C-alpha atoms as a PDB file:
ATOM      1  CA  MET A   1       0.000   0.000   0.000  1.00  0.00           C
ATOM      2  CA  LEU A   2       1.678   3.295   1.064  1.00  0.00           C
ATOM      3  CA  ALA A   3       4.986   1.632   1.883  1.00  0.00           C
ATOM      4  CA  GLN A   4       5.206   0.147  -1.606  1.00  0.00           C
ATOM      5  CA  ASP A   5       4.503   3.530  -3.235  1.00  0.00           C
ATOM      6  CA  THR A   6       7.303   5.211  -1.326  1.00  0.00           C
ATOM      7  CA  VAL A   7       9.989   2.737  -2.384  1.00  0.00           C
ATOM      8  CA  THR A   8       9.164   1.828  -5.975  1.00  0.00           C
ATOM      9  CA  THR A   9      12.061   3.887  -7.318  1.00  0.00           C
ATOM     10  CA  CYS A  10      14.460   1.717  -5.324  1.00  0.00           C
ATOM     11  CA  GLU A  11      14.203  -1.029  -7.941  1.00  0.00           C
ATOM     12  CA  LYS A  12      15.886   1.149 -10.594  1.00  0.00           C
ATOM     13  CA  PRO A  13      18.872   3.491 -10.349  1.00  0.00           C
ATOM     14  CA  ILE A  14      18.137   6.881  -8.808  1.00  0.00           C
ATOM     15  CA  GLU A  15      18.676   9.479 -11.523  1.00  0.00           C
ATOM     16  CA  SER A  16      17.348  12.768 -10.135  1.00  0.00           C
ATOM     17  CA  ALA A  17      17.216  14.828  -6.972  1.00  0.00           C
ATOM     18  CA  GLU A  18      13.443  14.405  -7.001  1.00  0.00           C
ATOM     19  CA  ASP A  19      13.749  10.621  -6.907  1.00  0.00           C
ATOM     20  CA  LEU A  20      16.348  10.880  -4.157  1.00  0.00           C
ATOM     21  CA  SER A  21      14.071  13.131  -2.128  1.00  0.00           C
ATOM     22  CA  SER A  22      11.147  10.721  -2.487  1.00  0.00           C
ATOM     23  CA  ILE A  23      13.274   8.031  -0.851  1.00  0.00           C
ATOM     24  CA  ALA A  24      14.804  10.247   1.812  1.00  0.00           C
ATOM     25  CA  PHE A  25      11.475  11.715   2.891  1.00  0.00           C
ATOM     26  CA  GLY A  26       9.427   8.541   2.592  1.00  0.00           C
ATOM     27  CA  PHE A  27       9.426   8.264   6.378  1.00  0.00           C
ATOM     28  CA  MET A  28       7.277  11.405   6.530  1.00  0.00           C
ATOM     29  CA  ALA A  29       4.575   9.727   4.447  1.00  0.00           C
ATOM     30  CA  SER A  30       4.670   6.710   6.749  1.00  0.00           C
ATOM     31  CA  LYS A  31       4.402   8.915   9.817  1.00  0.00           C
ATOM     32  CA  ALA A  32       1.397  10.662   8.251  1.00  0.00           C
ATOM     33  CA  LEU A  33      -0.250   7.255   7.864  1.00  0.00           C
ATOM     34  CA  PHE A  34       0.486   6.358  11.494  1.00  0.00           C
ATOM     35  CA  ALA A  35      -0.850   9.690  12.733  1.00  0.00           C
ATOM     36  CA  GLY A  36      -4.073   9.114  10.793  1.00  0.00           C
ATOM     37  CA  LEU A  37      -4.423   5.720  12.450  1.00  0.00           C
ATOM     38  CA  HIS A  38      -3.704   7.064  15.933  1.00  0.00           C
ATOM     39  CA  VAL A  39      -6.562   9.570  15.714  1.00  0.00           C
ATOM     40  CA  ASP A  40      -8.786   6.957  14.004  1.00  0.00           C
ATOM     41  CA  LEU A  41      -9.253   9.179  10.954  1.00  0.00           C
ATOM     42  CA  PHE A  42      -9.945   6.368   8.496  1.00  0.00           C
ATOM     43  CA  SER A  43     -12.682   4.875  10.680  1.00  0.00           C
ATOM     44  CA  MET A  44     -14.335   8.294  10.954  1.00  0.00           C
ATOM     45  CA  LEU A  45     -14.549   8.388   7.162  1.00  0.00           C
ATOM     46  CA  ALA A  46     -15.771   4.797   6.793  1.00  0.00           C
ATOM     47  CA  ASP A  47     -19.432   5.816   6.544  1.00  0.00           C
ATOM     48  CA  GLY A  48     -18.833   8.523   3.957  1.00  0.00           C
ATOM     49  CA  PRO A  49     -17.096  11.831   3.227  1.00  0.00           C
ATOM     50  CA  LYS A  50     -16.699  14.594   5.774  1.00  0.00           C
ATOM     51  CA  SER A  51     -15.326  18.103   5.844  1.00  0.00           C
ATOM     52  CA  ALA A  52     -12.182  18.997   7.747  1.00  0.00           C
ATOM     53  CA  GLU A  53     -14.363  20.849  10.240  1.00  0.00           C
ATOM     54  CA  GLU A  54     -16.485  17.754  10.864  1.00  0.00           C
ATOM     55  CA  LEU A  55     -13.390  15.610  11.335  1.00  0.00           C
ATOM     56  CA  ALA A  56     -11.888  18.127  13.728  1.00  0.00           C
ATOM     57  CA  ARG A  57     -15.067  18.069  15.799  1.00  0.00           C
ATOM     58  CA  ASP A  58     -15.356  14.267  15.813  1.00  0.00           C
ATOM     59  CA  ALA A  59     -11.697  13.755  16.690  1.00  0.00           C
ATOM     60  CA  ASP A  60     -11.549  16.688  19.121  1.00  0.00           C
ATOM     61  CA  ILE A  61      -8.447  17.997  17.351  1.00  0.00           C
ATOM     62  CA  PRO A  62      -7.796  21.627  16.267  1.00  0.00           C
ATOM     63  CA  ILE A  63      -8.850  22.290  12.685  1.00  0.00           C
ATOM     64  CA  ASN A  64      -5.392  23.434  11.546  1.00  0.00           C
ATOM     65  CA  ARG A  65      -3.873  20.057  12.500  1.00  0.00           C
ATOM     66  CA  VAL A  66      -6.622  18.125  10.769  1.00  0.00           C
ATOM     67  CA  ALA A  67      -6.207  20.245   7.636  1.00  0.00           C
ATOM     68  CA  ILE A  68      -2.441  19.688   7.501  1.00  0.00           C
ATOM     69  CA  LEU A  69      -2.704  15.937   8.168  1.00  0.00           C
ATOM     70  CA  THR A  70      -5.507  15.297   5.671  1.00  0.00           C
ATOM     71  CA  THR A  71      -3.649  17.311   3.021  1.00  0.00           C
ATOM     72  CA  ALA A  72      -0.562  15.168   3.570  1.00  0.00           C
ATOM     73  CA  LEU A  73      -2.587  11.953   3.424  1.00  0.00           C
ATOM     74  CA  ALA A  74      -4.319  13.088   0.242  1.00  0.00           C
ATOM     75  CA  SER A  75      -0.961  13.937  -1.341  1.00  0.00           C
ATOM     76  CA  VAL A  76       0.207  10.329  -0.947  1.00  0.00           C
ATOM     77  CA  GLY A  77      -3.077   8.804  -2.100  1.00  0.00           C
ATOM     78  CA  LEU A  78      -4.583   7.590   1.174  1.00  0.00           C
ATOM     79  CA  LEU A  79      -7.386  10.153   1.104  1.00  0.00           C
ATOM     80  CA  THR A  80      -9.158  12.028  -1.671  1.00  0.00           C
ATOM     81  CA  ILE A  81     -10.447  15.603  -1.466  1.00  0.00           C
ATOM     82  CA  ALA A  82     -13.298  16.538  -3.803  1.00  0.00           C
ATOM     83  CA  ASP A  83     -14.066  19.933  -5.300  1.00  0.00           C
ATOM     84  CA  ASP A  84     -16.507  20.561  -2.458  1.00  0.00           C
ATOM     85  CA  ARG A  85     -13.594  19.976  -0.012  1.00  0.00           C
ATOM     86  CA  LYS A  86     -15.200  16.797   1.303  1.00  0.00           C
ATOM     87  CA  ILE A  87     -12.611  14.238   2.415  1.00  0.00           C
ATOM     88  CA  ARG A  88     -12.939  10.552   1.564  1.00  0.00           C
ATOM     89  CA  ASN A  89     -10.950   7.373   2.177  1.00  0.00           C
ATOM     90  CA  SER A  90      -9.087   5.962  -0.795  1.00  0.00           C
ATOM     91  CA  PRO A  91     -10.221   2.434  -1.751  1.00  0.00           C
ATOM     92  CA  ALA A  92      -7.217   0.898   0.029  1.00  0.00           C
ATOM     93  CA  ALA A  93      -7.742   2.965   3.172  1.00  0.00           C
ATOM     94  CA  GLN A  94     -11.436   2.034   3.202  1.00  0.00           C
ATOM     95  CA  SER A  95     -10.626  -1.682   2.869  1.00  0.00           C
ATOM     96  CA  PHE A  96      -7.640  -2.017   5.194  1.00  0.00           C
ATOM     97  CA  LEU A  97      -7.322   0.960   7.563  1.00  0.00           C
ATOM     98  CA  SER A  98     -10.846   1.440   8.905  1.00  0.00           C
ATOM     99  CA  LYS A  99     -11.874  -0.446  12.023  1.00  0.00           C
ATOM    100  CA  GLU A 100     -15.195  -1.009  10.285  1.00  0.00           C
ATOM    101  CA  SER A 101     -13.484  -3.129   7.608  1.00  0.00           C
ATOM    102  CA  LYS A 102     -13.371  -6.904   7.709  1.00  0.00           C
ATOM    103  CA  TYR A 103      -9.745  -6.824   6.569  1.00  0.00           C
ATOM    104  CA  ASP A 104      -8.546  -4.010   8.840  1.00  0.00           C
ATOM    105  CA  PHE A 105      -4.889  -4.289   9.802  1.00  0.00           C
ATOM    106  CA  GLY A 106      -4.447  -0.753  11.067  1.00  0.00           C
ATOM    107  CA  ASP A 107      -3.441  -1.967  14.540  1.00  0.00           C
ATOM    108  CA  TYR A 108      -0.518  -3.858  13.001  1.00  0.00           C
ATOM    109  CA  LEU A 109       0.754  -0.610  11.467  1.00  0.00           C
ATOM    110  CA  ARG A 110      -0.195   1.605  14.406  1.00  0.00           C
ATOM    111  CA  TYR A 111       1.366  -0.489  17.165  1.00  0.00           C
ATOM    112  CA  GLN A 112       4.038  -2.797  15.817  1.00  0.00           C
ATOM    113  CA  ILE A 113       5.422  -0.771  12.920  1.00  0.00           C
ATOM    114  CA  ASP A 114       5.119   2.719  14.393  1.00  0.00           C
ATOM    115  CA  GLN A 115       5.786   2.047  18.090  1.00  0.00           C
ATOM    116  CA  GLN A 116       8.305  -0.795  17.824  1.00  0.00           C
ATOM    117  CA  MET A 117       9.923  -1.151  14.409  1.00  0.00           C
ATOM    118  CA  TYR A 118      10.564   2.545  13.743  1.00  0.00           C
ATOM    119  CA  PRO A 119      12.414   3.102  17.048  1.00  0.00           C
ATOM    120  CA  PHE A 120      14.614   0.074  16.344  1.00  0.00           C
ATOM    121  CA  LEU A 121      15.794   1.695  13.130  1.00  0.00           C
ATOM    122  CA  LEU A 122      17.333   4.497  15.188  1.00  0.00           C
ATOM    123  CA  GLN A 123      20.033   2.037  16.257  1.00  0.00           C
ATOM    124  CA  LEU A 124      20.832   0.899  12.707  1.00  0.00           C
ATOM    125  CA  ASN A 125      23.911   3.122  12.449  1.00  0.00           C
ATOM    126  CA  ALA A 126      25.325   1.575  15.615  1.00  0.00           C
ATOM    127  CA  VAL A 127      24.558  -1.910  14.285  1.00  0.00           C
ATOM    128  CA  MET A 128      26.452  -1.253  11.052  1.00  0.00           C
ATOM    129  CA  LYS A 129      29.537  -0.047  12.941  1.00  0.00           C
ATOM    130  CA  GLY A 130      29.321  -2.728  15.603  1.00  0.00           C
ATOM    131  CA  ASP A 131      28.772  -0.116  18.306  1.00  0.00           C
ATOM    132  CA  LEU A 132      25.436  -1.393  19.598  1.00  0.00           C
ATOM    133  CA  SER A 133      25.402  -1.240  23.387  1.00  0.00           C
ATOM    134  CA  GLU A 134      24.961  -4.452  25.331  1.00  0.00           C
ATOM    135  CA  ASP A 135      21.669  -3.336  26.824  1.00  0.00           C
ATOM    136  CA  ALA A 136      20.134  -2.732  23.367  1.00  0.00           C
ATOM    137  CA  ILE A 137      17.601  -5.324  22.252  1.00  0.00           C
ATOM    138  CA  ALA A 138      19.620  -7.805  20.225  1.00  0.00           C
ATOM    139  CA  SER A 139      17.080 -10.456  19.383  1.00  0.00           C
ATOM    140  CA  TYR A 140      13.495 -11.610  19.708  1.00  0.00           C
ATOM    141  CA  LYS A 141      14.634 -13.655  22.702  1.00  0.00           C
ATOM    142  CA  HIS A 142      15.340 -10.525  24.738  1.00  0.00           C
ATOM    143  CA  TRP A 143      12.476  -8.543  23.256  1.00  0.00           C
ATOM    144  CA  MET A 144       9.794 -11.131  23.996  1.00  0.00           C
ATOM    145  CA  ALA A 145      11.006 -11.474  27.583  1.00  0.00           C
ATOM    146  CA  ASP A 146       9.454  -8.048  28.191  1.00  0.00           C
ATOM    147  CA  GLU A 147       5.773  -8.686  28.915  1.00  0.00           C
ATOM    148  CA  GLU A 148       4.585  -5.280  27.668  1.00  0.00           C
ATOM    149  CA  GLN A 149       6.620  -5.394  24.444  1.00  0.00           C
ATOM    150  CA  ALA A 150       5.537  -8.987  23.818  1.00  0.00           C
ATOM    151  CA  SER A 151       1.905  -7.949  24.176  1.00  0.00           C
ATOM    152  CA  VAL A 152       2.154  -5.002  21.764  1.00  0.00           C
ATOM    153  CA  TYR A 153       4.058  -7.050  19.201  1.00  0.00           C
ATOM    154  CA  SER A 154       1.893 -10.152  19.431  1.00  0.00           C
ATOM    155  CA  GLU A 155      -1.487  -8.431  19.361  1.00  0.00           C
ATOM    156  CA  SER A 156      -0.562  -6.357  16.311  1.00  0.00           C
ATOM    157  CA  GLN A 157       1.224  -9.209  14.518  1.00  0.00           C
ATOM    158  CA  HIS A 158      -1.877 -11.359  14.888  1.00  0.00           C
ATOM    159  CA  ALA A 159      -3.936  -8.756  13.028  1.00  0.00           C
ATOM    160  CA  GLY A 160      -1.304  -8.534  10.292  1.00  0.00           C
ATOM    161  CA  SER A 161      -0.991 -12.301   9.835  1.00  0.00           C
ATOM    162  CA  LEU A 162      -4.632 -13.334   9.465  1.00  0.00           C
ATOM    163  CA  GLY A 163      -4.784 -12.339   5.786  1.00  0.00           C
ATOM    164  CA  PRO A 164      -1.521 -14.089   4.806  1.00  0.00           C
ATOM    165  CA  GLY A 165      -2.699 -17.080   6.830  1.00  0.00           C
ATOM    166  CA  ARG A 166      -5.813 -17.427   4.700  1.00  0.00           C
ATOM    167  CA  THR A 167      -3.668 -17.177   1.567  1.00  0.00           C
ATOM    168  CA  LEU A 168      -1.293 -19.831   2.900  1.00  0.00           C
ATOM    169  CA  ALA A 169      -4.197 -22.190   3.567  1.00  0.00           C
ATOM    170  CA  ARG A 170      -5.204 -21.923  -0.096  1.00  0.00           C
ATOM    171  CA  LYS A 171      -1.697 -22.394  -1.474  1.00  0.00           C
ATOM    172  CA  VAL A 172      -0.510 -25.395   0.570  1.00  0.00           C
ATOM    173  CA  ASP A 173      -2.454 -28.658   0.513  1.00  0.00           C
ATOM    174  CA  LEU A 174      -2.604 -30.193   3.995  1.00  0.00           C
ATOM    175  CA  SER A 175      -5.675 -32.341   3.363  1.00  0.00           C
ATOM    176  CA  THR A 176      -3.821 -35.536   4.314  1.00  0.00           C
ATOM    177  CA  ALA A 177      -1.968 -34.035   7.300  1.00  0.00           C
ATOM    178  CA  ALA A 178      -3.058 -34.784  10.844  1.00  0.00           C
ATOM    179  CA  SER A 179      -0.337 -32.897  12.739  1.00  0.00           C
ATOM    180  CA  LEU A 180       1.217 -29.452  12.291  1.00  0.00           C
ATOM    181  CA  LEU A 181       4.123 -27.925  14.192  1.00  0.00           C
ATOM    182  CA  ASP A 182       4.104 -24.117  13.951  1.00  0.00           C
ATOM    183  CA  VAL A 183       7.603 -23.046  15.013  1.00  0.00           C
ATOM    184  CA  GLY A 184       7.711 -19.469  16.235  1.00  0.00           C
ATOM    185  CA  GLY A 185       3.991 -19.377  15.550  1.00  0.00           C
ATOM    186  CA  GLY A 186       3.260 -16.368  17.749  1.00  0.00           C
ATOM    187  CA  THR A 187      -0.393 -15.952  18.628  1.00  0.00           C
ATOM    188  CA  GLY A 188      -1.422 -18.651  16.188  1.00  0.00           C
ATOM    189  CA  ALA A 189      -2.822 -16.607  13.295  1.00  0.00           C
ATOM    190  CA  MET A 190      -1.374 -18.978  10.699  1.00  0.00           C
ATOM    191  CA  THR A 191      -2.348 -22.058  12.713  1.00  0.00           C
ATOM    192  CA  ILE A 192      -5.914 -20.782  13.101  1.00  0.00           C
ATOM    193  CA  SER A 193      -6.216 -20.255   9.340  1.00  0.00           C
ATOM    194  CA  LEU A 194      -4.848 -23.721   8.548  1.00  0.00           C
ATOM    195  CA  CYS A 195      -6.968 -25.503  11.174  1.00  0.00           C
ATOM    196  CA  THR A 196     -10.058 -23.665   9.935  1.00  0.00           C
ATOM    197  CA  GLU A 197      -9.359 -24.838   6.386  1.00  0.00           C
ATOM    198  CA  TYR A 198      -8.400 -28.421   7.346  1.00  0.00           C
ATOM    199  CA  GLU A 199     -10.732 -29.811   9.996  1.00  0.00           C
ATOM    200  CA  ASN A 200      -8.642 -32.933  10.699  1.00  0.00           C
ATOM    201  CA  LEU A 201      -5.505 -30.937  11.488  1.00  0.00           C
ATOM    202  CA  HIS A 202      -4.163 -30.718  15.051  1.00  0.00           C
ATOM    203  CA  ALA A 203      -1.359 -28.272  15.814  1.00  0.00           C
ATOM    204  CA  THR A 204       1.427 -27.501  18.256  1.00  0.00           C
ATOM    205  CA  ILE A 205       2.812 -23.962  18.475  1.00  0.00           C
ATOM    206  CA  ILE A 206       6.263 -23.177  19.861  1.00  0.00           C
ATOM    207  CA  ASP A 207       6.870 -19.604  21.032  1.00  0.00           C
ATOM    208  CA  PHE A 208       8.087 -17.609  24.012  1.00  0.00           C
ATOM    209  CA  PRO A 209       6.032 -17.881  27.237  1.00  0.00           C
ATOM    210  CA  ASN A 210       4.710 -14.292  27.120  1.00  0.00           C
ATOM    211  CA  VAL A 211       3.597 -14.805  23.532  1.00  0.00           C
ATOM    212  CA  ALA A 212       2.018 -18.194  24.261  1.00  0.00           C
ATOM    213  CA  GLU A 213      -0.082 -16.699  27.047  1.00  0.00           C
ATOM    214  CA  ILE A 214      -1.503 -14.090  24.675  1.00  0.00           C
ATOM    215  CA  GLY A 215      -1.916 -16.609  21.870  1.00  0.00           C
ATOM    216  CA  TRP A 216      -3.986 -18.952  23.959  1.00  0.00           C
ATOM    217  CA  ARG A 217      -6.708 -16.297  24.098  1.00  0.00           C
ATOM    218  CA  PHE A 218      -6.880 -16.168  20.302  1.00  0.00           C
ATOM    219  CA  ILE A 219      -6.934 -19.971  20.109  1.00  0.00           C
ATOM    220  CA  SER A 220      -9.812 -20.016  22.603  1.00  0.00           C
ATOM    221  CA  GLU A 221     -11.737 -17.363  20.685  1.00  0.00           C
ATOM    222  CA  ALA A 222     -11.320 -19.452  17.523  1.00  0.00           C
ATOM    223  CA  ASP A 223     -12.796 -22.470  19.386  1.00  0.00           C
ATOM    224  CA  LEU A 224      -9.662 -24.546  18.752  1.00  0.00           C
ATOM    225  CA  VAL A 225      -8.654 -25.433  22.313  1.00  0.00           C
ATOM    226  CA  ASP A 226      -9.155 -29.143  21.572  1.00  0.00           C
ATOM    227  CA  ARG A 227      -6.927 -29.041  18.487  1.00  0.00           C
ATOM    228  CA  VAL A 228      -4.079 -26.678  19.374  1.00  0.00           C
ATOM    229  CA  ARG A 229      -1.507 -26.707  22.162  1.00  0.00           C
ATOM    230  CA  TYR A 230       1.485 -24.521  23.039  1.00  0.00           C
ATOM    231  CA  ILE A 231       5.042 -25.380  23.967  1.00  0.00           C
ATOM    232  CA  PRO A 232       6.314 -22.207  25.689  1.00  0.00           C
ATOM    233  CA  GLY A 233       9.992 -21.605  24.952  1.00  0.00           C
ATOM    234  CA  ASN A 234      12.695 -20.550  22.530  1.00  0.00           C
ATOM    235  CA  ALA A 235      12.266 -22.528  19.299  1.00  0.00           C
ATOM    236  CA  ILE A 236      16.042 -22.766  18.889  1.00  0.00           C
ATOM    237  CA  GLU A 237      16.490 -24.365  22.298  1.00  0.00           C
ATOM    238  CA  VAL A 238      13.412 -26.451  23.169  1.00  0.00           C
ATOM    239  CA  GLN A 239      12.783 -30.053  22.168  1.00  0.00           C
ATOM    240  CA  TRP A 240      10.455 -30.344  19.162  1.00  0.00           C
ATOM    241  CA  PRO A 241       7.813 -33.096  19.037  1.00  0.00           C
ATOM    242  CA  GLY A 242       8.487 -35.705  16.345  1.00  0.00           C
ATOM    243  CA  ASN A 243       6.485 -37.516  13.681  1.00  0.00           C
ATOM    244  CA  GLN A 244       4.962 -34.305  12.337  1.00  0.00           C
ATOM    245  CA  ASP A 245       3.085 -34.292   9.033  1.00  0.00           C
ATOM    246  CA  ALA A 246       3.837 -30.607   8.465  1.00  0.00           C
ATOM    247  CA  ILE A 247       6.065 -27.938   9.985  1.00  0.00           C
ATOM    248  CA  LEU A 248       5.530 -24.217   9.449  1.00  0.00           C
ATOM    249  CA  MET A 249       8.124 -21.465   9.931  1.00  0.00           C
ATOM    250  CA  SER A 250       6.630 -18.060   9.151  1.00  0.00           C
ATOM    251  CA  TYR A 251       8.800 -14.945   9.631  1.00  0.00           C
ATOM    252  CA  LEU A 252      11.146 -17.053  11.783  1.00  0.00           C
ATOM    253  CA  MET A 253      14.389 -17.378   9.842  1.00  0.00           C
ATOM    254  CA  SER A 254      14.737 -13.647   9.195  1.00  0.00           C
ATOM    255  CA  GLY A 255      14.428 -12.945  12.927  1.00  0.00           C
ATOM    256  CA  VAL A 256      17.170 -15.228  14.282  1.00  0.00           C
ATOM    257  CA  PRO A 257      20.969 -15.055  13.996  1.00  0.00           C
ATOM    258  CA  GLY A 258      22.141 -16.424  10.655  1.00  0.00           C
ATOM    259  CA  GLU A 259      24.129 -19.209  12.292  1.00  0.00           C
ATOM    260  CA  ASP A 260      20.862 -20.701  13.608  1.00  0.00           C
ATOM    261  CA  VAL A 261      19.046 -20.944  10.270  1.00  0.00           C
ATOM    262  CA  GLU A 262      20.598 -24.210   9.115  1.00  0.00           C
ATOM    263  CA  GLY A 263      20.035 -25.634  12.590  1.00  0.00           C
ATOM    264  CA  LEU A 264      16.324 -24.893  12.236  1.00  0.00           C
ATOM    265  CA  LEU A 265      16.263 -26.724   8.916  1.00  0.00           C
ATOM    266  CA  GLN A 266      18.003 -29.718  10.507  1.00  0.00           C
ATOM    267  CA  LYS A 267      15.590 -29.804  13.448  1.00  0.00           C
ATOM    268  CA  ALA A 268      12.673 -29.676  11.020  1.00  0.00           C
ATOM    269  CA  PHE A 269      14.054 -32.590   8.999  1.00  0.00           C
ATOM    270  CA  GLU A 270      14.403 -34.692  12.148  1.00  0.00           C
ATOM    271  CA  ALA A 271      10.939 -33.808  13.467  1.00  0.00           C
ATOM    272  CA  LEU A 272       9.065 -34.571  10.235  1.00  0.00           C
ATOM    273  CA  SER A 273       7.562 -37.909   9.328  1.00  0.00           C
ATOM    274  CA  PRO A 274       8.687 -39.373   5.983  1.00  0.00           C
ATOM    275  CA  GLY A 275       6.770 -37.520   3.286  1.00  0.00           C
ATOM    276  CA  GLY A 276       6.092 -34.590   5.632  1.00  0.00           C
ATOM    277  CA  LYS A 277       6.183 -30.984   4.463  1.00  0.00           C
ATOM    278  CA  LEU A 278       8.277 -28.082   5.705  1.00  0.00           C
ATOM    279  CA  ILE A 279       6.620 -24.742   4.865  1.00  0.00           C
ATOM    280  CA  VAL A 280       8.847 -21.665   5.035  1.00  0.00           C
ATOM    281  CA  HIS A 281       7.300 -18.202   4.668  1.00  0.00           C
ATOM    282  CA  ASP A 282       9.604 -15.219   5.004  1.00  0.00           C
ATOM    283  CA  PHE A 283      11.136 -12.078   3.530  1.00  0.00           C
ATOM    284  CA  MET A 284      13.374 -13.252   0.682  1.00  0.00           C
ATOM    285  CA  VAL A 285      15.299 -11.237  -1.903  1.00  0.00           C
ATOM    286  CA  GLU A 286      16.211 -12.222  -5.450  1.00  0.00           C
ATOM    287  CA  GLU A 287      19.525 -13.884  -6.231  1.00  0.00           C
ATOM    288  CA  ASP A 288      20.821 -10.789  -8.056  1.00  0.00           C
ATOM    289  CA  ARG A 289      20.200  -8.816  -4.820  1.00  0.00           C
ATOM    290  CA  ARG A 290      18.350  -6.043  -6.650  1.00  0.00           C
ATOM    291  CA  GLY A 291      15.116  -6.426  -4.706  1.00  0.00           C
ATOM    292  CA  PRO A 292      12.236  -6.669  -4.290  1.00  0.00           C
ATOM    293  CA  ALA A 293      12.420  -3.456  -2.300  1.00  0.00           C
ATOM    294  CA  LEU A 294       9.943  -4.377   0.440  1.00  0.00           C
ATOM    295  CA  ALA A 295      11.656  -7.693   1.209  1.00  0.00           C
ATOM    296  CA  ALA A 296      15.071  -6.034   1.241  1.00  0.00           C
ATOM    297  CA  LEU A 297      13.911  -3.248   3.562  1.00  0.00           C
ATOM    298  CA  TRP A 298      12.282  -5.698   5.966  1.00  0.00           C
ATOM    299  CA  GLN A 299      15.538  -7.652   6.119  1.00  0.00           C
ATOM    300  CA  LEU A 300      17.324  -4.415   6.968  1.00  0.00           C
ATOM    301  CA  GLN A 301      14.754  -3.729   9.687  1.00  0.00           C
ATOM    302  CA  HIS A 302      15.353  -7.136  11.266  1.00  0.00           C
ATOM    303  CA  MET A 303      19.095  -6.519  11.259  1.00  0.00           C
ATOM    304  CA  ALA A 304      18.527  -3.417  13.402  1.00  0.00           C
ATOM    305  CA  PHE A 305      17.792  -5.641  16.405  1.00  0.00           C
ATOM    306  CA  THR A 306      19.371  -8.919  15.242  1.00  0.00           C
ATOM    307  CA  PRO A 307      22.757  -7.765  13.909  1.00  0.00           C
ATOM    308  CA  GLU A 308      23.791 -11.292  12.889  1.00  0.00           C
ATOM    309  CA  ALA A 309      20.632 -11.939  10.845  1.00  0.00           C
ATOM    310  CA  ARG A 310      21.033 -13.570   7.428  1.00  0.00           C
ATOM    311  CA  SER A 311      19.771 -12.058   4.187  1.00  0.00           C
ATOM    312  CA  LEU A 312      17.561 -14.871   2.901  1.00  0.00           C
ATOM    313  CA  SER A 313      17.061 -15.687  -0.768  1.00  0.00           C
ATOM    314  CA  VAL A 314      15.129 -18.519  -2.376  1.00  0.00           C
ATOM    315  CA  GLY A 315      18.271 -19.903  -4.012  1.00  0.00           C
ATOM    316  CA  TRP A 316      20.290 -20.046  -0.819  1.00  0.00           C
ATOM    317  CA  LEU A 317      17.409 -21.501   1.202  1.00  0.00           C
ATOM    318  CA  THR A 318      16.549 -24.234  -1.295  1.00  0.00           C
ATOM    319  CA  GLU A 319      20.209 -25.266  -1.599  1.00  0.00           C
ATOM    320  CA  ALA A 320      20.574 -25.362   2.183  1.00  0.00           C
ATOM    321  CA  GLY A 321      17.465 -27.531   2.425  1.00  0.00           C
ATOM    322  CA  LYS A 322      18.659 -29.940  -0.247  1.00  0.00           C
ATOM    323  CA  LYS A 323      22.010 -30.402   1.504  1.00  0.00           C
ATOM    324  CA  ILE A 324      20.158 -31.611   4.587  1.00  0.00           C
ATOM    325  CA  GLY A 325      18.054 -34.018   2.527  1.00  0.00           C
ATOM    326  CA  PHE A 326      14.881 -32.138   1.647  1.00  0.00           C
ATOM    327  CA  GLU A 327      13.213 -32.132  -1.730  1.00  0.00           C
ATOM    328  CA  VAL A 328      11.935 -28.773  -3.010  1.00  0.00           C
ATOM    329  CA  LYS A 329       8.251 -29.101  -3.872  1.00  0.00           C
ATOM    330  CA  ASP A 330       7.131 -25.533  -4.534  1.00  0.00           C
ATOM    331  CA  VAL A 331       8.313 -21.931  -4.607  1.00  0.00           C
ATOM    332  CA  ASP A 332       5.739 -19.145  -4.797  1.00  0.00           C
ATOM    333  CA  ASN A 333       4.922 -15.604  -3.734  1.00  0.00           C
ATOM    334  CA  LEU A 334       2.711 -15.180  -0.693  1.00  0.00           C
ATOM    335  CA  ILE A 335       2.575 -11.421  -0.104  1.00  0.00           C
ATOM    336  CA  PRO A 336       3.363  -9.945  -3.541  1.00  0.00           C
ATOM    337  CA  ALA A 337       6.720  -8.127  -3.760  1.00  0.00           C
ATOM    338  CA  MET A 338       7.410  -8.863  -0.101  1.00  0.00           C
ATOM    339  CA  THR A 339       7.405 -12.518   1.015  1.00  0.00           C
ATOM    340  CA  LYS A 340       8.097 -15.889  -0.561  1.00  0.00           C
ATOM    341  CA  LEU A 341       6.754 -19.329   0.191  1.00  0.00           C
ATOM    342  CA  VAL A 342       9.045 -22.360  -0.100  1.00  0.00           C
ATOM    343  CA  VAL A 343       7.646 -25.847   0.463  1.00  0.00           C
ATOM    344  CA  PHE A 344      10.068 -28.706   1.153  1.00  0.00           C
ATOM    345  CA  ALA A 345       9.290 -32.417   1.565  1.00  0.00           C
ATOM    346  CA  LYS A 346      11.139 -35.072   3.521  1.00  0.00           C
ATOM    347  CA  PRO A 347      11.604 -38.073   1.223  1.00  0.00           C
ATOM    348  CA  SER A 348       9.199 -40.923   1.920  1.00  0.00           C
END
């Protein structure tokens, strides 16, 4: 959506000062989006157009601030302003940023991206030079040990993962699978989507204790308490259950130190039944390392708090899997221009 618009020029050489400025000041457009979400602007416009004066009254915000913010949001395509000065949501804002929308993921942007990911980027310079202080958050392990941070991250990530989870359920056939191990599965958004699609599937989720506690509420709300269980712990360290028909790793490999990635593949191979599937969903760049921009930028973001993270590509991952003994069954896009889906199989 907005993020893609602000980085499209990254996939070709920058040739002008205007292009350079659009990259350098892209953070302002993102902050405008976050500000709109924080005052619930898009929900206020869900029922139809309003004037700036009406929005100012409804939001209890001075008119000059509403005028400046809505002008900025209109300039980047998130709002439209008609000749009568009435302000409307763009189609994308109406579908994905209003709390009235079925597919709303505004909380994911408002909490996780704005409140957590953006501040991490402030330490990127120190990461590049190796000057990151010891008390800086260095990995998900430390981050998720903080109950408040785990709650903000997990609640917002759940909202952002429901849509991709439904897509995953359509792309991967688990009709013959009885057991699923969701490694680093967070609050269970992917597991919920897969168990909803495949009624015979039972799942185990491994994630940190603070995350598991939050996730259990979502599992209960989805009426899956009889089919899903949690193993609270660090996925790199805990014992995985064996004889699994399928193992899922979504957004896991990009968030751990690079030296642990091959170990995760090995643990998956050992935990799978013969013929079982390993499903990897993550940010992956092309082999020529020219993009896609969104995947590359997300990898950079992860490096800001996991300095030893690996830059994943489909080619490297598939070769690493084959060395362990996997067969590559499928490679596909999941979130266009951002994430890839790689499906491995353990030989029968």
